[in-house]
Amino acid sequence: MARVKRLKVLGEPAYYHIISRTVGKEFYLGDVEKEKLLKIIKKYSSIYFVKVIGFVIMSNHFHLLIKMESGDTYKDEDLEARIKAFYGRDELNVWSLSDFRKKLSDISEYVKSIKQSFSCWYNRVNDRTGYFWGDRFKSVLIERGECLLNCLAYIDLNSIRAGIVKRPDDYRWSSIGFRVKNNKRDKFLSFEGIFEDDNSLRDFLRYREFLYNKGAVAKDAKGKISGEIIREEIERDFDLGEAELFRYRIRYFTDGLVLGSRDFIKSSYAMFGGTAILKKDRRIHKTGLTKGIFSIRRLNSISP
């Protein structure tokens, strides 16, 4: 079966959920490796035209939620500085500025730089050869607003579903843990596309409340934020109608291809229909995630 063509928005900003796993889903990523991978992600996110909304690094995979920006909005001086930061030297005699603008606004190049840099480091320090990462990374085009917010919560609740911590912000290799730990001292993460103010204290508290709400219900103790913790951290009651969906790995956030409102799905068909999606296959499917979020693909809402 031919693999699905990757959907890339060209010439304008777009939000993506990125997932990549180790080869054979082996548990290669310990504390040292997670710290190194986070450092590499931060480095290339400052070089490429990227804003990171969220992330989590687990023992055999990582998630990134990003805004990929167009290089056309950046001045030549900024582009030249990024080129030097990338290579440690001036490479303008090899590539033109327009070539670099294209490269640094390409999601595939961005993830490739992260994964290659980490695998080279890992193989070197472990005297190892061969592939570190498994199949090509997945990417799902995400609509800004509510859909982006739900996807961020899904990412930050990975450590709860895995039974690693009792509070999501206790997991240091996640965006919620990073935000709590750094208290806005580090500009690595953004709430752009979710909240208008983008990183105000009020928005952080709003997101934390939303996140704990989503993690409040689970049938087994490993996937649940306890009632006691909810009372301690949030100090209020929540509407838990949709939180139970987050007990599992939600397939739409990893396999949905495109998620958003009906209008967003229609605009995506208009953009990609001629190259990636046959006319006869164009549908708008309910996801069951929350009201108003639809998908190009029809999938079971959740899988364990």
C-alpha atoms as a PDB file:
ATOM      1  CA  MET A   1       0.000   0.000   0.000  1.00  0.00           C
ATOM      2  CA  ALA A   2       1.429   3.367  -1.055  1.00  0.00           C
ATOM      3  CA  ARG A   3       2.154   5.708   1.833  1.00  0.00           C
ATOM      4  CA  VAL A   4       0.059   8.844   2.200  1.00  0.00           C
ATOM      5  CA  LYS A   5       1.546  11.985   0.705  1.00  0.00           C
ATOM      6  CA  ARG A   6       2.576  14.468   3.389  1.00  0.00           C
ATOM      7  CA  LEU A   7       0.404  17.586   3.441  1.00  0.00           C
ATOM      8  CA  LYS A   8       2.436  20.786   3.571  1.00  0.00           C
ATOM      9  CA  VAL A   9       1.023  24.290   3.569  1.00  0.00           C
ATOM     10  CA  LEU A  10       3.293  26.499   1.454  1.00  0.00           C
ATOM     11  CA  GLY A  11       3.719  30.263   1.661  1.00  0.00           C
ATOM     12  CA  GLU A  12       1.624  30.770   4.811  1.00  0.00           C
ATOM     13  CA  PRO A  13       1.686  29.737   8.487  1.00  0.00           C
ATOM     14  CA  ALA A  14       0.342  26.305   9.483  1.00  0.00           C
ATOM     15  CA  TYR A  15       0.118  24.231  12.662  1.00  0.00           C
ATOM     16  CA  TYR A  16       1.254  20.593  12.776  1.00  0.00           C
ATOM     17  CA  HIS A  17       1.271  17.731  15.266  1.00  0.00           C
ATOM     18  CA  ILE A  18       4.444  15.695  14.714  1.00  0.00           C
ATOM     19  CA  ILE A  19       5.052  12.169  16.045  1.00  0.00           C
ATOM     20  CA  SER A  20       8.219  10.100  15.639  1.00  0.00           C
ATOM     21  CA  ARG A  21       9.167   6.727  17.176  1.00  0.00           C
ATOM     22  CA  THR A  22      12.388   4.810  17.694  1.00  0.00           C
ATOM     23  CA  VAL A  23      13.174   1.843  15.460  1.00  0.00           C
ATOM     24  CA  GLY A  24      11.235  -1.190  16.678  1.00  0.00           C
ATOM     25  CA  LYS A  25       9.700   1.094  19.349  1.00  0.00           C
ATOM     26  CA  GLU A  26      12.689   0.265  21.553  1.00  0.00           C
ATOM     27  CA  PHE A  27      12.989   2.163  24.848  1.00  0.00           C
ATOM     28  CA  TYR A  28      16.225   3.970  24.014  1.00  0.00           C
ATOM     29  CA  LEU A  29      15.385   7.317  25.581  1.00  0.00           C
ATOM     30  CA  GLY A  30      16.451   7.586  29.219  1.00  0.00           C
ATOM     31  CA  ASP A  31      16.839  10.783  31.215  1.00  0.00           C
ATOM     32  CA  VAL A  32      20.148  11.759  29.576  1.00  0.00           C
ATOM     33  CA  GLU A  33      18.821  11.048  26.094  1.00  0.00           C
ATOM     34  CA  LYS A  34      15.603  12.988  26.724  1.00  0.00           C
ATOM     35  CA  GLU A  35      17.582  15.974  27.932  1.00  0.00           C
ATOM     36  CA  LYS A  36      19.815  15.851  24.858  1.00  0.00           C
ATOM     37  CA  LEU A  37      16.861  15.517  22.478  1.00  0.00           C
ATOM     38  CA  LEU A  38      15.125  18.491  24.103  1.00  0.00           C
ATOM     39  CA  LYS A  39      18.300  20.549  23.698  1.00  0.00           C
ATOM     40  CA  ILE A  40      18.437  19.640  19.990  1.00  0.00           C
ATOM     41  CA  ILE A  41      14.747  20.456  19.497  1.00  0.00           C
ATOM     42  CA  LYS A  42      15.293  23.878  21.110  1.00  0.00           C
ATOM     43  CA  LYS A  43      18.318  24.522  18.907  1.00  0.00           C
ATOM     44  CA  TYR A  44      16.638  23.783  15.580  1.00  0.00           C
ATOM     45  CA  SER A  45      13.406  25.479  16.625  1.00  0.00           C
ATOM     46  CA  SER A  46      15.405  28.695  16.995  1.00  0.00           C
ATOM     47  CA  ILE A  47      16.961  28.261  13.538  1.00  0.00           C
ATOM     48  CA  TYR A  48      13.968  27.122  11.477  1.00  0.00           C
ATOM     49  CA  PHE A  49      10.905  29.354  11.077  1.00  0.00           C
ATOM     50  CA  VAL A  50       9.112  27.500  13.854  1.00  0.00           C
ATOM     51  CA  LYS A  51       7.213  28.311  17.015  1.00  0.00           C
ATOM     52  CA  VAL A  52       6.812  25.362  19.377  1.00  0.00           C
ATOM     53  CA  ILE A  53       3.395  25.160  21.040  1.00  0.00           C
ATOM     54  CA  GLY A  54       3.910  21.874  22.875  1.00  0.00           C
ATOM     55  CA  PHE A  55       6.060  18.745  23.158  1.00  0.00           C
ATOM     56  CA  VAL A  56       6.605  15.558  25.124  1.00  0.00           C
ATOM     57  CA  ILE A  57       9.552  13.162  24.995  1.00  0.00           C
ATOM     58  CA  MET A  58       8.772   9.608  26.091  1.00  0.00           C
ATOM     59  CA  SER A  59      11.019   6.528  26.280  1.00  0.00           C
ATOM     60  CA  ASN A  60      10.471   5.453  22.662  1.00  0.00           C
ATOM     61  CA  HIS A  61       8.857   8.420  20.881  1.00  0.00           C
ATOM     62  CA  PHE A  62       8.283  12.142  20.933  1.00  0.00           C
ATOM     63  CA  HIS A  63       5.487  14.551  20.034  1.00  0.00           C
ATOM     64  CA  LEU A  64       5.826  18.126  18.797  1.00  0.00           C
ATOM     65  CA  LEU A  65       3.067  20.673  18.241  1.00  0.00           C
ATOM     66  CA  ILE A  66       4.409  23.528  16.137  1.00  0.00           C
ATOM     67  CA  LYS A  67       3.546  26.533  14.057  1.00  0.00           C
ATOM     68  CA  MET A  68       5.575  26.469  10.834  1.00  0.00           C
ATOM     69  CA  GLU A  69       5.951  30.004   9.519  1.00  0.00           C
ATOM     70  CA  SER A  70       6.702  31.317   6.052  1.00  0.00           C
ATOM     71  CA  GLY A  71      10.258  32.485   5.465  1.00  0.00           C
ATOM     72  CA  ASP A  72       8.984  35.420   3.436  1.00  0.00           C
ATOM     73  CA  THR A  73       8.076  37.282   6.642  1.00  0.00           C
ATOM     74  CA  TYR A  74      11.718  37.342   7.839  1.00  0.00           C
ATOM     75  CA  LYS A  75      14.317  39.961   6.868  1.00  0.00           C
ATOM     76  CA  ASP A  76      17.527  39.004   5.090  1.00  0.00           C
ATOM     77  CA  GLU A  77      19.640  39.890   8.155  1.00  0.00           C
ATOM     78  CA  ASP A  78      17.677  37.480  10.328  1.00  0.00           C
ATOM     79  CA  LEU A  79      17.918  34.761   7.695  1.00  0.00           C
ATOM     80  CA  GLU A  80      21.696  35.210   7.443  1.00  0.00           C
ATOM     81  CA  ALA A  81      22.022  34.936  11.229  1.00  0.00           C
ATOM     82  CA  ARG A  82      20.031  31.685  11.194  1.00  0.00           C
ATOM     83  CA  ILE A  83      22.212  30.270   8.423  1.00  0.00           C
ATOM     84  CA  LYS A  84      25.351  30.948  10.444  1.00  0.00           C
ATOM     85  CA  ALA A  85      23.757  29.434  13.539  1.00  0.00           C
ATOM     86  CA  PHE A  86      22.861  26.324  11.530  1.00  0.00           C
ATOM     87  CA  TYR A  87      26.289  25.701  10.015  1.00  0.00           C
ATOM     88  CA  GLY A  88      28.577  27.658  12.313  1.00  0.00           C
ATOM     89  CA  ARG A  89      29.865  29.435   9.213  1.00  0.00           C
ATOM     90  CA  ASP A  90      28.681  31.434   6.225  1.00  0.00           C
ATOM     91  CA  GLU A  91      27.140  29.159   3.570  1.00  0.00           C
ATOM     92  CA  LEU A  92      25.639  31.861   1.369  1.00  0.00           C
ATOM     93  CA  ASN A  93      28.203  31.159  -1.354  1.00  0.00           C
ATOM     94  CA  VAL A  94      26.673  27.674  -1.764  1.00  0.00           C
ATOM     95  CA  TRP A  95      22.936  28.379  -1.497  1.00  0.00           C
ATOM     96  CA  SER A  96      20.946  31.492  -2.275  1.00  0.00           C
ATOM     97  CA  LEU A  97      18.821  33.248   0.340  1.00  0.00           C
ATOM     98  CA  SER A  98      15.676  32.020  -1.416  1.00  0.00           C
ATOM     99  CA  ASP A  99      16.930  28.419  -1.117  1.00  0.00           C
ATOM    100  CA  PHE A 100      17.451  28.865   2.609  1.00  0.00           C
ATOM    101  CA  ARG A 101      14.053  30.492   3.053  1.00  0.00           C
ATOM    102  CA  LYS A 102      12.484  27.415   1.517  1.00  0.00           C
ATOM    103  CA  LYS A 103      14.580  24.992   3.565  1.00  0.00           C
ATOM    104  CA  LEU A 104      13.995  26.715   6.917  1.00  0.00           C
ATOM    105  CA  SER A 105      10.222  26.827   6.417  1.00  0.00           C
ATOM    106  CA  ASP A 106       9.925  23.127   5.459  1.00  0.00           C
ATOM    107  CA  ILE A 107       8.538  20.798   8.143  1.00  0.00           C
ATOM    108  CA  SER A 108      10.347  17.797   6.654  1.00  0.00           C
ATOM    109  CA  GLU A 109      13.724  19.556   6.786  1.00  0.00           C
ATOM    110  CA  TYR A 110      13.030  20.696  10.349  1.00  0.00           C
ATOM    111  CA  VAL A 111      12.256  17.212  11.668  1.00  0.00           C
ATOM    112  CA  LYS A 112      15.084  15.697   9.607  1.00  0.00           C
ATOM    113  CA  SER A 113      17.605  18.048  11.253  1.00  0.00           C
ATOM    114  CA  ILE A 114      16.371  17.135  14.739  1.00  0.00           C
ATOM    115  CA  LYS A 115      16.348  13.378  14.152  1.00  0.00           C
ATOM    116  CA  GLN A 116      19.667  13.206  12.288  1.00  0.00           C
ATOM    117  CA  SER A 117      21.454  15.345  14.861  1.00  0.00           C
ATOM    118  CA  PHE A 118      20.180  13.200  17.737  1.00  0.00           C
ATOM    119  CA  SER A 119      20.820   9.816  16.082  1.00  0.00           C
ATOM    120  CA  CYS A 120      24.409  10.832  15.201  1.00  0.00           C
ATOM    121  CA  TRP A 121      24.998  11.867  18.828  1.00  0.00           C
ATOM    122  CA  TYR A 122      23.392   8.691  20.218  1.00  0.00           C
ATOM    123  CA  ASN A 123      25.324   6.342  17.937  1.00  0.00           C
ATOM    124  CA  ARG A 124      28.587   8.137  18.671  1.00  0.00           C
ATOM    125  CA  VAL A 125      28.314   8.054  22.478  1.00  0.00           C
ATOM    126  CA  ASN A 126      27.068   4.455  22.456  1.00  0.00           C
ATOM    127  CA  ASP A 127      29.556   3.197  19.845  1.00  0.00           C
ATOM    128  CA  ARG A 128      26.578   2.110  17.792  1.00  0.00           C
ATOM    129  CA  THR A 129      25.709   1.963  14.080  1.00  0.00           C
ATOM    130  CA  GLY A 130      22.428   1.699  12.206  1.00  0.00           C
ATOM    131  CA  TYR A 131      19.049   3.381  12.322  1.00  0.00           C
ATOM    132  CA  PHE A 132      17.805   4.958  15.531  1.00  0.00           C
ATOM    133  CA  TRP A 133      14.376   6.167  14.361  1.00  0.00           C
ATOM    134  CA  GLY A 134      11.699   3.952  12.853  1.00  0.00           C
ATOM    135  CA  ASP A 135       9.391   4.784   9.966  1.00  0.00           C
ATOM    136  CA  ARG A 136       9.050   8.350   8.724  1.00  0.00           C
ATOM    137  CA  PHE A 137       7.490  10.759  11.161  1.00  0.00           C
ATOM    138  CA  LYS A 138       3.749  11.405  11.167  1.00  0.00           C
ATOM    139  CA  SER A 139       2.351  14.892  10.784  1.00  0.00           C
ATOM    140  CA  VAL A 140      -1.231  16.053  11.219  1.00  0.00           C
ATOM    141  CA  LEU A 141      -2.336  19.490  10.040  1.00  0.00           C
ATOM    142  CA  ILE A 142      -4.200  21.139  12.944  1.00  0.00           C
ATOM    143  CA  GLU A 143      -6.590  24.089  12.936  1.00  0.00           C
ATOM    144  CA  ARG A 144      -5.773  26.871  15.379  1.00  0.00           C
ATOM    145  CA  GLY A 145      -8.047  27.524  18.337  1.00  0.00           C
ATOM    146  CA  GLU A 146      -9.996  24.774  20.101  1.00  0.00           C
ATOM    147  CA  CYS A 147      -8.546  21.937  18.054  1.00  0.00           C
ATOM    148  CA  LEU A 148      -4.993  23.128  18.763  1.00  0.00           C
ATOM    149  CA  LEU A 149      -5.825  23.437  22.473  1.00  0.00           C
ATOM    150  CA  ASN A 150      -7.179  19.871  22.630  1.00  0.00           C
ATOM    151  CA  CYS A 151      -4.143  18.513  20.816  1.00  0.00           C
ATOM    152  CA  LEU A 152      -1.796  20.298  23.240  1.00  0.00           C
ATOM    153  CA  ALA A 153      -3.642  18.734  26.198  1.00  0.00           C
ATOM    154  CA  TYR A 154      -3.423  15.295  24.551  1.00  0.00           C
ATOM    155  CA  ILE A 155       0.359  15.736  24.263  1.00  0.00           C
ATOM    156  CA  ASP A 156       0.827  16.980  27.832  1.00  0.00           C
ATOM    157  CA  LEU A 157      -1.227  14.074  29.255  1.00  0.00           C
ATOM    158  CA  ASN A 158       1.090  11.416  27.791  1.00  0.00           C
ATOM    159  CA  SER A 159       2.950  10.997  31.082  1.00  0.00           C
ATOM    160  CA  ILE A 160      -0.348  10.522  32.965  1.00  0.00           C
ATOM    161  CA  ARG A 161      -1.588   7.846  30.543  1.00  0.00           C
ATOM    162  CA  ALA A 162       1.788   6.092  30.849  1.00  0.00           C
ATOM    163  CA  GLY A 163       1.485   6.085  34.656  1.00  0.00           C
ATOM    164  CA  ILE A 164       4.787   7.922  35.121  1.00  0.00           C
ATOM    165  CA  VAL A 165       3.551  10.842  37.246  1.00  0.00           C
ATOM    166  CA  LYS A 166       0.416  11.862  39.144  1.00  0.00           C
ATOM    167  CA  ARG A 167       0.459  15.474  37.945  1.00  0.00           C
ATOM    168  CA  PRO A 168       1.196  16.254  34.272  1.00  0.00           C
ATOM    169  CA  ASP A 169       3.432  19.190  35.170  1.00  0.00           C
ATOM    170  CA  ASP A 170       5.643  16.860  37.260  1.00  0.00           C
ATOM    171  CA  TYR A 171       6.985  15.367  34.014  1.00  0.00           C
ATOM    172  CA  ARG A 172       9.963  17.526  33.093  1.00  0.00           C
ATOM    173  CA  TRP A 173      10.222  16.456  29.424  1.00  0.00           C
ATOM    174  CA  SER A 174       6.857  17.914  28.443  1.00  0.00           C
ATOM    175  CA  SER A 175       5.605  21.358  27.542  1.00  0.00           C
ATOM    176  CA  ILE A 176       3.524  21.702  30.724  1.00  0.00           C
ATOM    177  CA  GLY A 177       6.509  20.623  32.850  1.00  0.00           C
ATOM    178  CA  PHE A 178       8.760  23.016  30.942  1.00  0.00           C
ATOM    179  CA  ARG A 179       6.322  25.904  31.418  1.00  0.00           C
ATOM    180  CA  VAL A 180       6.028  25.285  35.160  1.00  0.00           C
ATOM    181  CA  LYS A 181       9.762  24.821  35.585  1.00  0.00           C
ATOM    182  CA  ASN A 182      10.820  27.901  33.630  1.00  0.00           C
ATOM    183  CA  ASN A 183       8.015  30.292  34.650  1.00  0.00           C
ATOM    184  CA  LYS A 184       8.279  32.285  31.372  1.00  0.00           C
ATOM    185  CA  ARG A 185      12.032  32.817  31.788  1.00  0.00           C
ATOM    186  CA  ASP A 186      12.597  30.787  28.617  1.00  0.00           C
ATOM    187  CA  LYS A 187      10.895  31.906  25.390  1.00  0.00           C
ATOM    188  CA  PHE A 188      11.055  28.441  23.808  1.00  0.00           C
ATOM    189  CA  LEU A 189       7.297  27.765  24.006  1.00  0.00           C
ATOM    190  CA  SER A 190       4.328  29.755  22.738  1.00  0.00           C
ATOM    191  CA  PHE A 191       0.545  29.664  23.138  1.00  0.00           C
ATOM    192  CA  GLU A 192       0.137  31.277  19.718  1.00  0.00           C
ATOM    193  CA  GLY A 193      -2.933  30.022  17.914  1.00  0.00           C
ATOM    194  CA  ILE A 194      -4.647  29.126  21.204  1.00  0.00           C
ATOM    195  CA  PHE A 195      -4.803  32.317  23.272  1.00  0.00           C
ATOM    196  CA  GLU A 196      -4.700  35.887  21.985  1.00  0.00           C
ATOM    197  CA  ASP A 197      -2.223  37.202  24.561  1.00  0.00           C
ATOM    198  CA  ASP A 198       0.211  34.317  23.932  1.00  0.00           C
ATOM    199  CA  ASN A 199       2.023  33.352  27.131  1.00  0.00           C
ATOM    200  CA  SER A 200       0.418  35.687  29.655  1.00  0.00           C
ATOM    201  CA  LEU A 201       0.094  34.312  33.189  1.00  0.00           C
ATOM    202  CA  ARG A 202      -3.686  34.342  32.809  1.00  0.00           C
ATOM    203  CA  ASP A 203      -3.453  32.189  29.679  1.00  0.00           C
ATOM    204  CA  PHE A 204      -1.089  29.751  31.397  1.00  0.00           C
ATOM    205  CA  LEU A 205      -3.562  29.323  34.270  1.00  0.00           C
ATOM    206  CA  ARG A 206      -6.446  28.909  31.818  1.00  0.00           C
ATOM    207  CA  TYR A 207      -4.537  26.177  30.002  1.00  0.00           C
ATOM    208  CA  ARG A 208      -3.513  24.413  33.216  1.00  0.00           C
ATOM    209  CA  GLU A 209      -7.147  24.357  34.338  1.00  0.00           C
ATOM    210  CA  PHE A 210      -8.194  22.938  30.961  1.00  0.00           C
ATOM    211  CA  LEU A 211      -5.438  20.311  31.101  1.00  0.00           C
ATOM    212  CA  TYR A 212      -6.367  19.084  34.571  1.00  0.00           C
ATOM    213  CA  ASN A 213      -9.977  18.922  33.500  1.00  0.00           C
ATOM    214  CA  LYS A 214      -9.029  16.641  30.614  1.00  0.00           C
ATOM    215  CA  GLY A 215      -6.994  14.384  32.872  1.00  0.00           C
ATOM    216  CA  ALA A 216      -9.600  14.099  35.612  1.00  0.00           C
ATOM    217  CA  VAL A 217     -11.439  10.959  34.459  1.00  0.00           C
ATOM    218  CA  ALA A 218      -9.998   7.494  33.877  1.00  0.00           C
ATOM    219  CA  LYS A 219     -11.122   3.934  34.638  1.00  0.00           C
ATOM    220  CA  ASP A 220      -7.704   2.800  35.815  1.00  0.00           C
ATOM    221  CA  ALA A 221      -5.585   4.685  38.344  1.00  0.00           C
ATOM    222  CA  LYS A 222      -2.562   4.957  36.041  1.00  0.00           C
ATOM    223  CA  GLY A 223      -4.359   7.210  33.573  1.00  0.00           C
ATOM    224  CA  LYS A 224      -6.084   9.452  36.067  1.00  0.00           C
ATOM    225  CA  ILE A 225      -5.384  12.701  37.877  1.00  0.00           C
ATOM    226  CA  SER A 226      -6.856  12.063  41.306  1.00  0.00           C
ATOM    227  CA  GLY A 227      -9.710  14.046  42.784  1.00  0.00           C
ATOM    228  CA  GLU A 228      -7.481  15.116  45.636  1.00  0.00           C
ATOM    229  CA  ILE A 229      -4.959  16.594  43.230  1.00  0.00           C
ATOM    230  CA  ILE A 230      -7.715  18.315  41.271  1.00  0.00           C
ATOM    231  CA  ARG A 231      -8.956  19.949  44.462  1.00  0.00           C
ATOM    232  CA  GLU A 232      -5.463  20.940  45.477  1.00  0.00           C
ATOM    233  CA  GLU A 233      -4.395  22.310  42.106  1.00  0.00           C
ATOM    234  CA  ILE A 234      -7.546  23.737  40.602  1.00  0.00           C
ATOM    235  CA  GLU A 235      -9.732  24.360  43.652  1.00  0.00           C
ATOM    236  CA  ARG A 236     -12.962  24.144  41.727  1.00  0.00           C
ATOM    237  CA  ASP A 237     -15.330  21.662  40.046  1.00  0.00           C
ATOM    238  CA  PHE A 238     -15.006  20.876  36.320  1.00  0.00           C
ATOM    239  CA  ASP A 239     -17.287  19.687  33.578  1.00  0.00           C
ATOM    240  CA  LEU A 240     -15.750  16.318  32.724  1.00  0.00           C
ATOM    241  CA  GLY A 241     -17.992  15.434  29.762  1.00  0.00           C
ATOM    242  CA  GLU A 242     -15.210  14.911  27.243  1.00  0.00           C
ATOM    243  CA  ALA A 243     -12.214  14.276  29.492  1.00  0.00           C
ATOM    244  CA  GLU A 244     -12.609  10.493  29.376  1.00  0.00           C
ATOM    245  CA  LEU A 245     -11.494  10.497  25.753  1.00  0.00           C
ATOM    246  CA  PHE A 246      -8.022  11.446  26.931  1.00  0.00           C
ATOM    247  CA  ARG A 247      -7.561   8.157  28.820  1.00  0.00           C
ATOM    248  CA  TYR A 248      -6.356   6.605  25.615  1.00  0.00           C
ATOM    249  CA  ARG A 249      -4.229   7.351  22.634  1.00  0.00           C
ATOM    250  CA  ILE A 250      -6.604   9.356  20.444  1.00  0.00           C
ATOM    251  CA  ARG A 251      -6.114   8.191  16.875  1.00  0.00           C
ATOM    252  CA  TYR A 252      -7.348  11.379  15.280  1.00  0.00           C
ATOM    253  CA  PHE A 253      -4.509  13.386  16.800  1.00  0.00           C
ATOM    254  CA  THR A 254      -1.922  10.985  15.344  1.00  0.00           C
ATOM    255  CA  ASP A 255      -3.578   9.601  12.196  1.00  0.00           C
ATOM    256  CA  GLY A 256      -6.221  12.186  11.317  1.00  0.00           C
ATOM    257  CA  LEU A 257      -4.113  13.902   8.603  1.00  0.00           C
ATOM    258  CA  VAL A 258      -6.160  17.132   8.908  1.00  0.00           C
ATOM    259  CA  LEU A 259      -8.268  18.231  11.899  1.00  0.00           C
ATOM    260  CA  GLY A 260     -10.465  21.281  12.367  1.00  0.00           C
ATOM    261  CA  SER A 261     -13.826  22.865  11.606  1.00  0.00           C
ATOM    262  CA  ARG A 262     -15.896  22.044   8.514  1.00  0.00           C
ATOM    263  CA  ASP A 263     -14.582  25.168   6.772  1.00  0.00           C
ATOM    264  CA  PHE A 264     -10.983  24.221   7.584  1.00  0.00           C
ATOM    265  CA  ILE A 265     -11.485  20.722   6.125  1.00  0.00           C
ATOM    266  CA  LYS A 266     -13.058  22.223   2.978  1.00  0.00           C
ATOM    267  CA  SER A 267     -10.179  24.674   2.531  1.00  0.00           C
ATOM    268  CA  SER A 268      -7.696  21.800   2.941  1.00  0.00           C
ATOM    269  CA  TYR A 269      -9.426  19.833   0.189  1.00  0.00           C
ATOM    270  CA  ALA A 270      -9.204  22.901  -2.026  1.00  0.00           C
ATOM    271  CA  MET A 271      -5.491  23.234  -1.250  1.00  0.00           C
ATOM    272  CA  PHE A 272      -4.426  19.582  -1.503  1.00  0.00           C
ATOM    273  CA  GLY A 273      -7.239  17.909  -3.434  1.00  0.00           C
ATOM    274  CA  GLY A 274      -5.468  17.915  -6.779  1.00  0.00           C
ATOM    275  CA  THR A 275      -2.271  16.308  -5.478  1.00  0.00           C
ATOM    276  CA  ALA A 276      -2.963  14.177  -2.409  1.00  0.00           C
ATOM    277  CA  ILE A 277      -6.687  13.482  -2.123  1.00  0.00           C
ATOM    278  CA  LEU A 278      -8.829  12.165  -4.946  1.00  0.00           C
ATOM    279  CA  LYS A 279     -12.145  13.954  -5.484  1.00  0.00           C
ATOM    280  CA  LYS A 280     -14.142  10.764  -4.881  1.00  0.00           C
ATOM    281  CA  ASP A 281     -12.464  10.372  -1.470  1.00  0.00           C
ATOM    282  CA  ARG A 282     -13.228  13.862  -0.149  1.00  0.00           C
ATOM    283  CA  ARG A 283     -15.324  13.567   3.004  1.00  0.00           C
ATOM    284  CA  ILE A 284     -15.809  15.438   6.275  1.00  0.00           C
ATOM    285  CA  HIS A 285     -15.951  13.033   9.217  1.00  0.00           C
ATOM    286  CA  LYS A 286     -17.025  13.629  12.804  1.00  0.00           C
ATOM    287  CA  THR A 287     -14.304  12.754  15.316  1.00  0.00           C
ATOM    288  CA  GLY A 288     -16.188  12.535  18.592  1.00  0.00           C
ATOM    289  CA  LEU A 289     -13.379  14.528  20.251  1.00  0.00           C
ATOM    290  CA  THR A 290     -15.422  17.631  20.942  1.00  0.00           C
ATOM    291  CA  LYS A 291     -18.202  19.490  19.150  1.00  0.00           C
ATOM    292  CA  GLY A 292     -17.081  21.185  15.938  1.00  0.00           C
ATOM    293  CA  ILE A 293     -13.857  19.196  15.310  1.00  0.00           C
ATOM    294  CA  PHE A 294     -13.850  17.136  12.099  1.00  0.00           C
ATOM    295  CA  SER A 295     -11.307  15.042  10.181  1.00  0.00           C
ATOM    296  CA  ILE A 296     -10.458  14.221   6.579  1.00  0.00           C
ATOM    297  CA  ARG A 297     -10.033  10.581   7.598  1.00  0.00           C
ATOM    298  CA  ARG A 298     -12.697   8.365   9.108  1.00  0.00           C
ATOM    299  CA  LEU A 299     -11.189   6.592  12.113  1.00  0.00           C
ATOM    300  CA  ASN A 300     -12.330   5.024  15.335  1.00  0.00           C
ATOM    301  CA  SER A 301     -12.333   7.845  17.875  1.00  0.00           C
ATOM    302  CA  ILE A 302     -10.037   6.131  20.344  1.00  0.00           C
ATOM    303  CA  SER A 303      -7.816   3.136  20.649  1.00  0.00           C
ATOM    304  CA  PRO A 304      -6.126   1.850  23.806  1.00  0.00           C
END
